[in-house]
Each structure stands twice: as C-alpha cells, then as structure tokens.
PDB file of N, CA and C in Angstrom:
ATOM      1  N   UNK A   1     -19.136 -38.533 -22.731  1.00  0.00           N
ATOM      2  CA  UNK A   1     -20.038 -37.664 -22.014  1.00  0.00           C
ATOM      3  C   UNK A   1     -21.175 -38.498 -21.437  1.00  0.00           C
ATOM      4  N   UNK A   2     -21.554 -38.197 -20.199  1.00  0.00           N
ATOM      5  CA  UNK A   2     -22.643 -38.928 -19.558  1.00  0.00           C
ATOM      6  C   UNK A   2     -23.985 -38.360 -19.970  1.00  0.00           C
ATOM      7  N   UNK A   3     -24.991 -39.191 -19.872  1.00  0.00           N
ATOM      8  CA  UNK A   3     -26.349 -38.729 -20.166  1.00  0.00           C
ATOM      9  C   UNK A   3     -26.882 -37.866 -19.026  1.00  0.00           C
ATOM     10  N   UNK A   4     -26.469 -38.177 -17.794  1.00  0.00           N
ATOM     11  CA  UNK A   4     -26.927 -37.432 -16.625  1.00  0.00           C
ATOM     12  C   UNK A   4     -25.751 -37.133 -15.699  1.00  0.00           C
ATOM     13  N   UNK A   5     -25.844 -36.023 -14.987  1.00  0.00           N
ATOM     14  CA  UNK A   5     -24.823 -35.636 -14.021  1.00  0.00           C
ATOM     15  C   UNK A   5     -25.498 -35.340 -12.690  1.00  0.00           C
ATOM     16  N   UNK A   6     -24.839 -35.670 -11.599  1.00  0.00           N
ATOM     17  CA  UNK A   6     -25.382 -35.435 -10.262  1.00  0.00           C
ATOM     18  C   UNK A   6     -24.801 -34.132  -9.711  1.00  0.00           C
ATOM     19  N   UNK A   7     -25.648 -33.140  -9.605  1.00  0.00           N
ATOM     20  CA  UNK A   7     -25.226 -31.840  -9.088  1.00  0.00           C
ATOM     21  C   UNK A   7     -25.718 -31.616  -7.657  1.00  0.00           C
ATOM     22  N   UNK A   8     -26.135 -32.655  -6.980  1.00  0.00           N
ATOM     23  CA  UNK A   8     -26.679 -32.503  -5.630  1.00  0.00           C
ATOM     24  C   UNK A   8     -25.626 -31.997  -4.635  1.00  0.00           C
ATOM     25  N   UNK A   9     -24.358 -32.253  -4.870  1.00  0.00           N
ATOM     26  CA  UNK A   9     -23.275 -31.810  -3.982  1.00  0.00           C
ATOM     27  C   UNK A   9     -22.539 -30.586  -4.531  1.00  0.00           C
ATOM     28  N   UNK A  10     -23.050 -30.053  -5.615  1.00  0.00           N
ATOM     29  CA  UNK A  10     -22.377 -28.928  -6.267  1.00  0.00           C
ATOM     30  C   UNK A  10     -22.530 -27.655  -5.449  1.00  0.00           C
ATOM     31  N   UNK A  11     -21.577 -26.760  -5.586  1.00  0.00           N
ATOM     32  CA  UNK A  11     -21.610 -25.460  -4.926  1.00  0.00           C
ATOM     33  C   UNK A  11     -21.535 -24.376  -5.985  1.00  0.00           C
ATOM     34  N   UNK A  12     -22.233 -23.283  -5.746  1.00  0.00           N
ATOM     35  CA  UNK A  12     -22.190 -22.155  -6.673  1.00  0.00           C
ATOM     36  C   UNK A  12     -20.961 -21.312  -6.391  1.00  0.00           C
ATOM     37  N   UNK A  13     -20.515 -20.623  -7.399  1.00  0.00           N
ATOM     38  CA  UNK A  13     -19.403 -19.705  -7.212  1.00  0.00           C
ATOM     39  C   UNK A  13     -18.235 -20.043  -8.099  1.00  0.00           C
ATOM     40  N   UNK A  14     -17.104 -19.420  -7.784  1.00  0.00           N
ATOM     41  CA  UNK A  14     -15.903 -19.613  -8.586  1.00  0.00           C
ATOM     42  C   UNK A  14     -15.454 -21.069  -8.523  1.00  0.00           C
ATOM     43  N   UNK A  15     -14.930 -21.538  -9.636  1.00  0.00           N
ATOM     44  CA  UNK A  15     -14.434 -22.907  -9.697  1.00  0.00           C
ATOM     45  C   UNK A  15     -13.221 -23.059  -8.791  1.00  0.00           C
ATOM     46  N   UNK A  16     -12.320 -22.108  -8.853  1.00  0.00           N
ATOM     47  CA  UNK A  16     -11.118 -22.131  -8.015  1.00  0.00           C
ATOM     48  C   UNK A  16     -11.116 -20.881  -7.146  1.00  0.00           C
ATOM     49  N   UNK A  17     -11.512 -21.004  -5.879  1.00  0.00           N
ATOM     50  CA  UNK A  17     -11.557 -19.817  -5.027  1.00  0.00           C
ATOM     51  C   UNK A  17     -10.163 -19.224  -4.816  1.00  0.00           C
ATOM     52  N   UNK A  18     -10.107 -17.910  -4.762  1.00  0.00           N
ATOM     53  CA  UNK A  18      -8.839 -17.210  -4.551  1.00  0.00           C
ATOM     54  C   UNK A  18      -8.580 -17.079  -3.059  1.00  0.00           C
ATOM     55  N   UNK A  19      -7.461 -17.601  -2.604  1.00  0.00           N
ATOM     56  CA  UNK A  19      -7.119 -17.466  -1.194  1.00  0.00           C
ATOM     57  C   UNK A  19      -6.563 -16.071  -0.954  1.00  0.00           C
ATOM     58  N   UNK A  20      -7.002 -15.477   0.133  1.00  0.00           N
ATOM     59  CA  UNK A  20      -6.507 -14.151   0.496  1.00  0.00           C
ATOM     60  C   UNK A  20      -7.201 -13.019  -0.231  1.00  0.00           C
ATOM     61  N   UNK A  21      -8.259 -13.317  -0.953  1.00  0.00           N
ATOM     62  CA  UNK A  21      -9.003 -12.272  -1.659  1.00  0.00           C
ATOM     63  C   UNK A  21     -10.489 -12.461  -1.380  1.00  0.00           C
ATOM     64  N   UNK A  22     -11.210 -11.357  -1.365  1.00  0.00           N
ATOM     65  CA  UNK A  22     -12.648 -11.372  -1.129  1.00  0.00           C
ATOM     66  C   UNK A  22     -13.340 -10.612  -2.243  1.00  0.00           C
ATOM     67  N   UNK A  23     -14.395 -11.204  -2.771  1.00  0.00           N
ATOM     68  CA  UNK A  23     -15.175 -10.539  -3.818  1.00  0.00           C
ATOM     69  C   UNK A  23     -16.086  -9.515  -3.158  1.00  0.00           C
ATOM     70  N   UNK A  24     -16.040  -8.265  -3.657  1.00  0.00           N
ATOM     71  CA  UNK A  24     -16.895  -7.201  -3.139  1.00  0.00           C
ATOM     72  C   UNK A  24     -17.531  -6.449  -4.301  1.00  0.00           C
ATOM     73  N   UNK A  25     -18.516  -5.641  -3.974  1.00  0.00           N
ATOM     74  CA  UNK A  25     -19.098  -4.710  -4.932  1.00  0.00           C
ATOM     75  C   UNK A  25     -18.732  -3.315  -4.451  1.00  0.00           C
ATOM     76  N   UNK A  26     -18.230  -2.490  -5.357  1.00  0.00           N
ATOM     77  CA  UNK A  26     -17.778  -1.149  -4.976  1.00  0.00           C
ATOM     78  C   UNK A  26     -18.240  -0.159  -6.044  1.00  0.00           C
ATOM     79  N   UNK A  27     -18.620   1.015  -5.608  1.00  0.00           N
ATOM     80  CA  UNK A  27     -19.024   2.069  -6.533  1.00  0.00           C
ATOM     81  C   UNK A  27     -17.825   2.997  -6.743  1.00  0.00           C
ATOM     82  N   UNK A  28     -17.444   3.182  -7.993  1.00  0.00           N
ATOM     83  CA  UNK A  28     -16.350   4.074  -8.351  1.00  0.00           C
ATOM     84  C   UNK A  28     -16.863   5.141  -9.300  1.00  0.00           C
ATOM     85  N   UNK A  29     -16.247   6.301  -9.255  1.00  0.00           N
ATOM     86  CA  UNK A  29     -16.582   7.348 -10.222  1.00  0.00           C
ATOM     87  C   UNK A  29     -16.274   6.840 -11.619  1.00  0.00           C
ATOM     88  N   UNK A  30     -17.089   7.258 -12.589  1.00  0.00           N
ATOM     89  CA  UNK A  30     -16.860   6.838 -13.981  1.00  0.00           C
ATOM     90  C   UNK A  30     -15.464   7.225 -14.450  1.00  0.00           C
ATOM     91  N   UNK A  31     -15.028   8.435 -14.079  1.00  0.00           N
ATOM     92  CA  UNK A  31     -13.708   8.909 -14.506  1.00  0.00           C
ATOM     93  C   UNK A  31     -12.602   8.049 -13.908  1.00  0.00           C
ATOM     94  N   UNK A  32     -12.779   7.628 -12.660  1.00  0.00           N
ATOM     95  CA  UNK A  32     -11.773   6.789 -11.998  1.00  0.00           C
ATOM     96  C   UNK A  32     -11.694   5.436 -12.683  1.00  0.00           C
ATOM     97  N   UNK A  33     -12.852   4.849 -12.954  1.00  0.00           N
ATOM     98  CA  UNK A  33     -12.879   3.544 -13.602  1.00  0.00           C
ATOM     99  C   UNK A  33     -12.294   3.613 -15.010  1.00  0.00           C
ATOM    100  N   UNK A  34     -12.631   4.660 -15.735  1.00  0.00           N
ATOM    101  CA  UNK A  34     -12.091   4.821 -17.088  1.00  0.00           C
ATOM    102  C   UNK A  34     -10.568   4.982 -17.057  1.00  0.00           C
ATOM    103  N   UNK A  35     -10.078   5.790 -16.121  1.00  0.00           N
ATOM    104  CA  UNK A  35      -8.632   5.977 -16.006  1.00  0.00           C
ATOM    105  C   UNK A  35      -7.948   4.662 -15.635  1.00  0.00           C
ATOM    106  N   UNK A  36      -8.554   3.904 -14.731  1.00  0.00           N
ATOM    107  CA  UNK A  36      -7.974   2.618 -14.326  1.00  0.00           C
ATOM    108  C   UNK A  36      -7.943   1.651 -15.503  1.00  0.00           C
ATOM    109  N   UNK A  37      -9.005   1.609 -16.261  1.00  0.00           N
ATOM    110  CA  UNK A  37      -9.041   0.708 -17.422  1.00  0.00           C
ATOM    111  C   UNK A  37      -8.005   1.110 -18.464  1.00  0.00           C
ATOM    112  N   UNK A  38      -7.882   2.411 -18.720  1.00  0.00           N
ATOM    113  CA  UNK A  38      -6.893   2.876 -19.698  1.00  0.00           C
ATOM    114  C   UNK A  38      -5.471   2.561 -19.247  1.00  0.00           C
ATOM    115  N   UNK A  39      -5.186   2.823 -17.974  1.00  0.00           N
ATOM    116  CA  UNK A  39      -3.851   2.549 -17.437  1.00  0.00           C
ATOM    117  C   UNK A  39      -3.554   1.048 -17.481  1.00  0.00           C
ATOM    118  N   UNK A  40      -4.544   0.259 -17.107  1.00  0.00           N
ATOM    119  CA  UNK A  40      -4.363  -1.199 -17.108  1.00  0.00           C
ATOM    120  C   UNK A  40      -4.124  -1.707 -18.526  1.00  0.00           C
ATOM    121  N   UNK A  41      -4.885  -1.177 -19.482  1.00  0.00           N
ATOM    122  CA  UNK A  41      -4.688  -1.581 -20.884  1.00  0.00           C
ATOM    123  C   UNK A  41      -3.277  -1.259 -21.350  1.00  0.00           C
ATOM    124  N   UNK A  42      -2.785  -0.071 -20.976  1.00  0.00           N
ATOM    125  CA  UNK A  42      -1.451   0.320 -21.422  1.00  0.00           C
ATOM    126  C   UNK A  42      -0.360  -0.549 -20.789  1.00  0.00           C
ATOM    127  N   UNK A  43      -0.653  -1.108 -19.603  1.00  0.00           N
ATOM    128  CA  UNK A  43       0.317  -1.969 -18.920  1.00  0.00           C
ATOM    129  C   UNK A  43       0.102  -3.451 -19.225  1.00  0.00           C
ATOM    130  N   UNK A  44      -0.988  -3.754 -19.924  1.00  0.00           N
ATOM    131  CA  UNK A  44      -1.258  -5.145 -20.271  1.00  0.00           C
ATOM    132  C   UNK A  44      -1.732  -5.987 -19.097  1.00  0.00           C
ATOM    133  N   UNK A  45      -2.422  -5.347 -18.136  1.00  0.00           N
ATOM    134  CA  UNK A  45      -2.965  -6.082 -16.993  1.00  0.00           C
ATOM    135  C   UNK A  45      -4.448  -5.765 -16.865  1.00  0.00           C
ATOM    136  N   UNK A  46      -5.141  -6.492 -16.003  1.00  0.00           N
ATOM    137  CA  UNK A  46      -6.551  -6.230 -15.774  1.00  0.00           C
ATOM    138  C   UNK A  46      -6.744  -4.997 -14.903  1.00  0.00           C
ATOM    139  N   UNK A  47      -7.859  -4.311 -15.113  1.00  0.00           N
ATOM    140  CA  UNK A  47      -8.085  -3.081 -14.353  1.00  0.00           C
ATOM    141  C   UNK A  47      -8.311  -3.373 -12.870  1.00  0.00           C
ATOM    142  N   UNK A  48      -8.902  -4.513 -12.541  1.00  0.00           N
ATOM    143  CA  UNK A  48      -9.090  -4.850 -11.131  1.00  0.00           C
ATOM    144  C   UNK A  48      -7.745  -5.119 -10.457  1.00  0.00           C
ATOM    145  N   UNK A  49      -6.845  -5.743 -11.195  1.00  0.00           N
ATOM    146  CA  UNK A  49      -5.491  -5.987 -10.682  1.00  0.00           C
ATOM    147  C   UNK A  49      -4.789  -4.659 -10.427  1.00  0.00           C
ATOM    148  N   UNK A  50      -4.943  -3.719 -11.346  1.00  0.00           N
ATOM    149  CA  UNK A  50      -4.346  -2.394 -11.182  1.00  0.00           C
ATOM    150  C   UNK A  50      -4.908  -1.689  -9.953  1.00  0.00           C
ATOM    151  N   UNK A  51      -6.234  -1.679  -9.819  1.00  0.00           N
ATOM    152  CA  UNK A  51      -6.869  -1.018  -8.679  1.00  0.00           C
ATOM    153  C   UNK A  51      -6.422  -1.665  -7.374  1.00  0.00           C
ATOM    154  N   UNK A  52      -6.365  -2.999  -7.338  1.00  0.00           N
ATOM    155  CA  UNK A  52      -5.916  -3.694  -6.132  1.00  0.00           C
ATOM    156  C   UNK A  52      -4.482  -3.301  -5.790  1.00  0.00           C
ATOM    157  N   UNK A  53      -3.629  -3.240  -6.800  1.00  0.00           N
ATOM    158  CA  UNK A  53      -2.234  -2.857  -6.570  1.00  0.00           C
ATOM    159  C   UNK A  53      -2.104  -1.440  -6.046  1.00  0.00           C
ATOM    160  N   UNK A  54      -2.894  -0.530  -6.597  1.00  0.00           N
ATOM    161  CA  UNK A  54      -2.848   0.859  -6.143  1.00  0.00           C
ATOM    162  C   UNK A  54      -3.346   0.993  -4.704  1.00  0.00           C
ATOM    163  N   UNK A  55      -4.421   0.282  -4.389  1.00  0.00           N
ATOM    164  CA  UNK A  55      -4.939   0.318  -3.024  1.00  0.00           C
ATOM    165  C   UNK A  55      -3.947  -0.314  -2.048  1.00  0.00           C
ATOM    166  N   UNK A  56      -3.343  -1.429  -2.457  1.00  0.00           N
ATOM    167  CA  UNK A  56      -2.356  -2.086  -1.593  1.00  0.00           C
ATOM    168  C   UNK A  56      -1.190  -1.140  -1.312  1.00  0.00           C
ATOM    169  N   UNK A  57      -0.704  -0.488  -2.356  1.00  0.00           N
ATOM    170  CA  UNK A  57       0.425   0.434  -2.205  1.00  0.00           C
ATOM    171  C   UNK A  57       0.065   1.593  -1.281  1.00  0.00           C
ATOM    172  N   UNK A  58      -1.139   2.133  -1.460  1.00  0.00           N
ATOM    173  CA  UNK A  58      -1.540   3.305  -0.685  1.00  0.00           C
ATOM    174  C   UNK A  58      -1.901   2.968   0.761  1.00  0.00           C
ATOM    175  N   UNK A  59      -2.524   1.814   0.978  1.00  0.00           N
ATOM    176  CA  UNK A  59      -3.053   1.519   2.305  1.00  0.00           C
ATOM    177  C   UNK A  59      -2.255   0.518   3.112  1.00  0.00           C
ATOM    178  N   UNK A  60      -1.572  -0.377   2.447  1.00  0.00           N
ATOM    179  CA  UNK A  60      -0.903  -1.465   3.158  1.00  0.00           C
ATOM    180  C   UNK A  60       0.603  -1.289   3.175  1.00  0.00           C
ATOM    181  N   UNK A  61       1.186  -0.997   2.047  1.00  0.00           N
ATOM    182  CA  UNK A  61       2.635  -0.991   1.928  1.00  0.00           C
ATOM    183  C   UNK A  61       3.267   0.386   2.020  1.00  0.00           C
ATOM    184  N   UNK A  62       2.456   1.430   1.956  1.00  0.00           N
ATOM    185  CA  UNK A  62       3.015   2.771   1.897  1.00  0.00           C
ATOM    186  C   UNK A  62       3.224   3.351   3.287  1.00  0.00           C
ATOM    187  N   UNK A  63       4.320   2.989   3.906  1.00  0.00           N
ATOM    188  CA  UNK A  63       4.665   3.568   5.198  1.00  0.00           C
ATOM    189  C   UNK A  63       5.869   4.490   5.052  1.00  0.00           C
ATOM    190  N   UNK A  64       6.057   5.001   3.843  1.00  0.00           N
ATOM    191  CA  UNK A  64       7.218   5.858   3.573  1.00  0.00           C
ATOM    192  C   UNK A  64       7.269   7.061   4.500  1.00  0.00           C
ATOM    193  N   UNK A  65       6.118   7.705   4.716  1.00  0.00           N
ATOM    194  CA  UNK A  65       6.112   8.923   5.510  1.00  0.00           C
ATOM    195  C   UNK A  65       6.371   8.621   6.978  1.00  0.00           C
ATOM    196  N   UNK A  66       5.785   7.529   7.470  1.00  0.00           N
ATOM    197  CA  UNK A  66       6.046   7.149   8.859  1.00  0.00           C
ATOM    198  C   UNK A  66       7.510   6.778   9.041  1.00  0.00           C
ATOM    199  N   UNK A  67       8.068   6.043   8.096  1.00  0.00           N
ATOM    200  CA  UNK A  67       9.470   5.643   8.169  1.00  0.00           C
ATOM    201  C   UNK A  67      10.378   6.871   8.112  1.00  0.00           C
ATOM    202  N   UNK A  68      10.080   7.789   7.212  1.00  0.00           N
ATOM    203  CA  UNK A  68      10.866   9.016   7.090  1.00  0.00           C
ATOM    204  C   UNK A  68      10.793   9.833   8.383  1.00  0.00           C
ATOM    205  N   UNK A  69       9.604   9.931   8.970  1.00  0.00           N
ATOM    206  CA  UNK A  69       9.445  10.687  10.212  1.00  0.00           C
ATOM    207  C   UNK A  69      10.278  10.061  11.326  1.00  0.00           C
ATOM    208  N   UNK A  70      10.285   8.723  11.410  1.00  0.00           N
ATOM    209  CA  UNK A  70      11.100   8.048  12.431  1.00  0.00           C
ATOM    210  C   UNK A  70      12.584   8.316  12.196  1.00  0.00           C
ATOM    211  N   UNK A  71      13.010   8.249  10.936  1.00  0.00           N
ATOM    212  CA  UNK A  71      14.420   8.492  10.625  1.00  0.00           C
ATOM    213  C   UNK A  71      14.810   9.919  10.962  1.00  0.00           C
ATOM    214  N   UNK A  72      13.950  10.874  10.618  1.00  0.00           N
ATOM    215  CA  UNK A  72      14.255  12.276  10.915  1.00  0.00           C
ATOM    216  C   UNK A  72      14.302  12.531  12.412  1.00  0.00           C
ATOM    217  N   UNK A  73      13.421  11.890  13.157  1.00  0.00           N
ATOM    218  CA  UNK A  73      13.448  12.043  14.612  1.00  0.00           C
ATOM    219  C   UNK A  73      14.748  11.490  15.172  1.00  0.00           C
ATOM    220  N   UNK A  74      15.213  10.378  14.625  1.00  0.00           N
ATOM    221  CA  UNK A  74      16.491   9.804  15.053  1.00  0.00           C
ATOM    222  C   UNK A  74      17.646  10.722  14.739  1.00  0.00           C
ATOM    223  N   UNK A  75      17.641  11.334  13.566  1.00  0.00           N
ATOM    224  CA  UNK A  75      18.696  12.282  13.186  1.00  0.00           C
ATOM    225  C   UNK A  75      18.659  13.491  14.105  1.00  0.00           C
ATOM    226  N   UNK A  76      17.464  13.969  14.392  1.00  0.00           N
ATOM    227  CA  UNK A  76      17.325  15.122  15.281  1.00  0.00           C
ATOM    228  C   UNK A  76      17.896  14.800  16.661  1.00  0.00           C
ATOM    229  N   UNK A  77      17.601  13.623  17.170  1.00  0.00           N
ATOM    230  CA  UNK A  77      18.124  13.205  18.476  1.00  0.00           C
ATOM    231  C   UNK A  77      19.646  13.141  18.450  1.00  0.00           C
ATOM    232  N   UNK A  78      20.200  12.578  17.396  1.00  0.00           N
ATOM    233  CA  UNK A  78      21.657  12.480  17.279  1.00  0.00           C
ATOM    234  C   UNK A  78      22.297  13.864  17.211  1.00  0.00           C
ATOM    235  N   UNK A  79      21.681  14.766  16.461  1.00  0.00           N
ATOM    236  CA  UNK A  79      22.222  16.128  16.361  1.00  0.00           C
ATOM    237  C   UNK A  79      22.187  16.839  17.711  1.00  0.00           C
ATOM    238  N   UNK A  80      21.111  16.658  18.460  1.00  0.00           N
ATOM    239  CA  UNK A  80      21.024  17.284  19.780  1.00  0.00           C
ATOM    240  C   UNK A  80      22.141  16.773  20.686  1.00  0.00           C
ATOM    241  N   UNK A  81      22.361  15.460  20.658  1.00  0.00           N
ATOM    242  CA  UNK A  81      23.431  14.883  21.472  1.00  0.00           C
ATOM    243  C   UNK A  81      24.795  15.433  21.062  1.00  0.00           C
ATOM    244  N   UNK A  82      25.022  15.541  19.766  1.00  0.00           N
ATOM    245  CA  UNK A  82      26.291  16.056  19.265  1.00  0.00           C
ATOM    246  C   UNK A  82      26.507  17.501  19.716  1.00  0.00           C
ATOM    247  N   UNK A  83      25.465  18.317  19.606  1.00  0.00           N
ATOM    248  CA  UNK A  83      25.562  19.715  20.026  1.00  0.00           C
ATOM    249  C   UNK A  83      25.832  19.790  21.525  1.00  0.00           C
ATOM    250  N   UNK A  84      25.148  18.955  22.309  1.00  0.00           N
ATOM    251  CA  UNK A  84      25.366  18.950  23.756  1.00  0.00           C
ATOM    252  C   UNK A  84      26.803  18.570  24.091  1.00  0.00           C
ATOM    253  N   UNK A  85      27.347  17.588  23.372  1.00  0.00           N
ATOM    254  CA  UNK A  85      28.736  17.187  23.593  1.00  0.00           C
ATOM    255  C   UNK A  85      29.690  18.322  23.251  1.00  0.00           C
ATOM    256  N   UNK A  86      29.434  18.980  22.129  1.00  0.00           N
ATOM    257  CA  UNK A  86      30.293  20.078  21.698  1.00  0.00           C
ATOM    258  C   UNK A  86      30.225  21.237  22.682  1.00  0.00           C
ATOM    259  N   UNK A  87      29.007  21.523  23.179  1.00  0.00           N
ATOM    260  CA  UNK A  87      28.850  22.595  24.159  1.00  0.00           C
ATOM    261  C   UNK A  87      29.594  22.259  25.450  1.00  0.00           C
ATOM    262  N   UNK A  88      29.481  20.999  25.868  1.00  0.00           N
ATOM    263  CA  UNK A  88      30.143  20.568  27.100  1.00  0.00           C
ATOM    264  C   UNK A  88      31.657  20.704  26.986  1.00  0.00           C
ATOM    265  N   UNK A  89      32.188  20.553  25.803  1.00  0.00           N
ATOM    266  CA  UNK A  89      33.634  20.659  25.580  1.00  0.00           C
ATOM    267  C   UNK A  89      34.044  22.095  25.270  1.00  0.00           C
ATOM    268  N   UNK A  90      33.058  23.003  25.233  1.00  0.00           N
ATOM    269  CA  UNK A  90      33.351  24.406  24.967  1.00  0.00           C
ATOM    270  C   UNK A  90      33.704  24.684  23.516  1.00  0.00           C
ATOM    271  N   UNK A  91      33.396  23.763  22.616  1.00  0.00           N
ATOM    272  CA  UNK A  91      33.757  23.932  21.207  1.00  0.00           C
ATOM    273  C   UNK A  91      32.643  24.628  20.404  1.00  0.00           C
ATOM    274  N   UNK A  92      31.467  24.667  20.973  1.00  0.00           N
ATOM    275  CA  UNK A  92      30.339  25.156  20.194  1.00  0.00           C
ATOM    276  C   UNK A  92      29.342  25.807  21.114  1.00  0.00           C
ATOM    277  N   UNK A  93      28.797  26.942  20.686  1.00  0.00           N
ATOM    278  CA  UNK A  93      27.753  27.593  21.463  1.00  0.00           C
ATOM    279  C   UNK A  93      26.538  27.777  20.572  1.00  0.00           C
ATOM    280  N   UNK A  94      25.399  27.376  21.098  1.00  0.00           N
ATOM    281  CA  UNK A  94      24.142  27.497  20.357  1.00  0.00           C
ATOM    282  C   UNK A  94      23.526  28.835  20.680  1.00  0.00           C
ATOM    283  N   UNK A  95      23.124  29.561  19.664  1.00  0.00           N
ATOM    284  CA  UNK A  95      22.450  30.830  19.859  1.00  0.00           C
ATOM    285  C   UNK A  95      21.012  30.670  19.421  1.00  0.00           C
ATOM    286  N   UNK A  96      20.136  31.339  20.092  1.00  0.00           N
ATOM    287  CA  UNK A  96      18.714  31.280  19.732  1.00  0.00           C
ATOM    288  C   UNK A  96      17.948  30.383  20.684  1.00  0.00           C
ATOM    289  N   UNK A  97      16.695  30.097  20.342  1.00  0.00           N
ATOM    290  CA  UNK A  97      15.813  29.348  21.248  1.00  0.00           C
ATOM    291  C   UNK A  97      16.257  27.935  21.485  1.00  0.00           C
TER     292      UNK A  97
END
C-alpha cells in the first residue's frame, strides 16, 4: 500500500459505467415499490431489474396488439378477396351490408 495516492485525474461516479443505461431519479407509489420489491425477492432478482424488465416489455417490446391488428387486417383482406372470387363464380352470395 502506498503512503499517498494521486486523485487529481480521478472521476466521480460508478467504477464501471453501464453501457446502454442511464441513472435517473423516479418517484413511485409506495405500493408499487413494495410490490416490485416483493416480486423481485420471490424471483431472486433486484427490484430495479424487475422494474426495468416490466417497462421494457410494456413500452419497447410489447407490439403484440399492433402485430395482431396487422394480421387481422390481412385475414380480412384475404376473406374479402375469397368472397369476391366466389361471388364472381356464382358459388356464393353475400347478404347484408
């Protein structure tokens, strides 16, 4: 061990900065924080990791509804074409609007 250390070039903060992550301060309801901590404890992970995962799933990766809507629109288009073909061949008549 040295008697003296030179900290003139030292920087404050985390020893190993996390790439792709930003430290923020956020206000959460006590009930939300407690639920996150309990859930994280039961899964054996940190509560911040749990919250980040939930936010990522909800805001970044959760395009299920948009994807489903696109698929349904495609199915609807295909069904319309099929009905039009059947009508043109006289095999099917659509009743109603």
